[in-house]
Amino acid sequence: MLDMKYLFLHFLHTSSSLATIPVSFNATAGSDPSQIGTRDLEAARGVTQSDNSDDLYIKLDKDPSGVPAAHYHRVAGEIRAEYHALNGKVVADTTYFIGYSFSLAQIE
């Protein structure tokens, strides 16, 4: 299981005049993970769920040291817990910068 701490996620859309940030998530600042995009929780192939459950979730939480973190969790056998950022919002022939900072730790 992975514990993602210090997750900062920024998608920077550059244009000829100004750069905009269409997605920005910062666990330390208390951002809601839904800011990342469309949540996709799938328990089994073709069996999606709209809400978090004990076995499958993505939520703002704290790591074992008490540091705010985006916590992605799925038990063995569950298919996916992921977000789709900028789904249907990108423009052809446009430059995007994706930047993130995170640390991974083995949970003991």
Protein backbone atom coordinates (compact mmCIF):
# COMPACT_ATOMS: atom_id res chain seq x y z
CA MET A 1 0.00 0.00 0.00
CA LEU A 2 1.30 3.47 -0.80
CA ASP A 3 0.86 6.56 1.31
CA MET A 4 1.06 9.70 -0.82
CA LYS A 5 2.09 12.70 1.23
CA TYR A 6 2.85 16.23 0.19
CA LEU A 7 0.95 15.86 -3.05
CA PHE A 8 0.93 19.09 -5.01
CA LEU A 9 -0.59 18.74 -8.44
CA HIS A 10 -0.66 21.55 -10.96
CA PHE A 11 -1.63 21.52 -14.60
CA LEU A 12 -0.44 24.68 -16.32
CA HIS A 13 -2.06 25.67 -19.59
CA THR A 14 0.11 28.02 -21.59
CA SER A 15 -1.20 30.23 -24.33
CA SER A 16 0.25 33.06 -26.37
CA SER A 17 -0.80 35.64 -23.79
CA LEU A 18 -1.17 34.21 -20.27
CA ALA A 19 -0.73 30.96 -18.40
CA THR A 20 -3.64 29.63 -16.37
CA ILE A 21 -3.85 26.84 -13.81
CA PRO A 22 -6.95 24.78 -14.63
CA VAL A 23 -6.22 22.20 -11.88
CA SER A 24 -4.46 22.80 -8.57
CA PHE A 25 -4.54 20.43 -5.59
CA ASN A 26 -2.55 20.88 -2.37
CA ALA A 27 -3.18 18.41 0.47
CA THR A 28 -1.27 20.57 2.94
CA ALA A 29 -3.64 23.48 2.25
CA GLY A 30 -6.66 21.19 2.76
CA SER A 31 -7.71 20.99 -0.89
CA ASP A 32 -10.60 18.66 -1.65
CA PRO A 33 -9.33 15.82 -3.89
CA SER A 34 -12.34 16.37 -6.16
CA GLN A 35 -10.47 19.45 -7.43
CA ILE A 36 -8.21 17.05 -9.33
CA GLY A 37 -10.99 15.98 -11.70
CA THR A 38 -13.40 13.11 -12.19
CA ARG A 39 -13.12 10.39 -9.55
CA ASP A 40 -13.17 6.81 -10.86
CA LEU A 41 -13.76 4.07 -8.28
CA GLU A 42 -14.21 0.61 -9.73
CA ALA A 43 -14.66 -2.41 -7.47
CA ALA A 44 -14.75 -4.99 -10.28
CA ARG A 45 -14.59 -4.68 -14.05
CA GLY A 46 -17.65 -2.64 -15.01
CA VAL A 47 -18.80 -2.21 -11.40
CA THR A 48 -18.28 1.42 -10.50
CA GLN A 49 -19.19 3.16 -7.28
CA SER A 50 -19.85 6.85 -6.78
CA ASP A 51 -19.02 7.11 -3.08
CA ASN A 52 -16.01 6.13 -1.03
CA SER A 53 -16.26 2.87 0.94
CA ASP A 54 -13.95 1.26 3.51
CA ASP A 55 -12.39 -0.91 0.78
CA LEU A 56 -12.13 1.64 -2.03
CA TYR A 57 -11.60 5.36 -1.63
CA ILE A 58 -9.74 8.57 -2.37
CA LYS A 59 -9.86 11.11 0.41
CA LEU A 60 -7.96 13.87 2.15
CA ASP A 61 -6.42 12.29 5.21
CA LYS A 62 -3.23 12.37 7.25
CA ASP A 63 -0.22 10.10 7.00
CA PRO A 64 1.04 8.25 10.09
CA SER A 65 3.09 11.33 11.02
CA GLY A 66 0.02 13.59 10.92
CA VAL A 67 0.90 15.30 7.65
CA PRO A 68 -2.06 16.06 5.33
CA ALA A 69 -2.13 13.66 2.39
CA ALA A 70 -4.27 12.50 -0.51
CA HIS A 71 -4.98 8.91 0.45
CA TYR A 72 -5.77 6.49 -2.37
CA HIS A 73 -6.83 3.04 -1.19
CA ARG A 74 -8.15 -0.16 -2.70
CA VAL A 75 -8.04 -3.64 -1.24
CA ALA A 76 -6.60 -6.53 -3.23
CA GLY A 77 -9.01 -7.47 -5.97
CA GLU A 78 -10.54 -4.00 -6.40
CA ILE A 79 -9.83 -2.57 -9.87
CA ARG A 80 -9.16 1.16 -9.54
CA ALA A 81 -9.12 4.29 -7.40
CA GLU A 82 -8.07 7.22 -9.59
CA TYR A 83 -8.87 10.73 -10.75
CA HIS A 84 -9.03 11.86 -14.37
CA ALA A 85 -7.77 15.44 -14.55
CA LEU A 86 -8.75 17.74 -17.42
CA ASN A 87 -11.10 15.10 -18.83
CA GLY A 88 -12.56 16.65 -22.00
CA LYS A 89 -10.91 20.01 -21.27
CA VAL A 90 -7.70 19.88 -23.28
CA VAL A 91 -7.26 21.69 -26.58
CA ALA A 92 -5.36 20.26 -29.55
CA ASP A 93 -2.01 21.87 -30.35
CA THR A 94 -1.80 23.46 -26.90
CA THR A 95 1.10 23.07 -24.49
CA TYR A 96 0.37 21.87 -20.95
CA PHE A 97 2.83 21.53 -18.09
CA ILE A 98 2.08 18.91 -15.44
CA GLY A 99 4.01 19.36 -12.21
CA TYR A 100 3.75 17.51 -8.95
CA SER A 101 5.65 16.94 -5.76
CA PHE A 102 5.05 13.97 -3.49
CA SER A 103 6.76 11.44 -1.28
CA LEU A 104 5.99 7.75 -1.01
CA ALA A 105 6.41 5.70 2.14
CA GLN A 106 5.90 2.08 2.98
CA ILE A 107 3.19 1.73 5.62
CA GLU A 108 4.31 -0.52 8.41
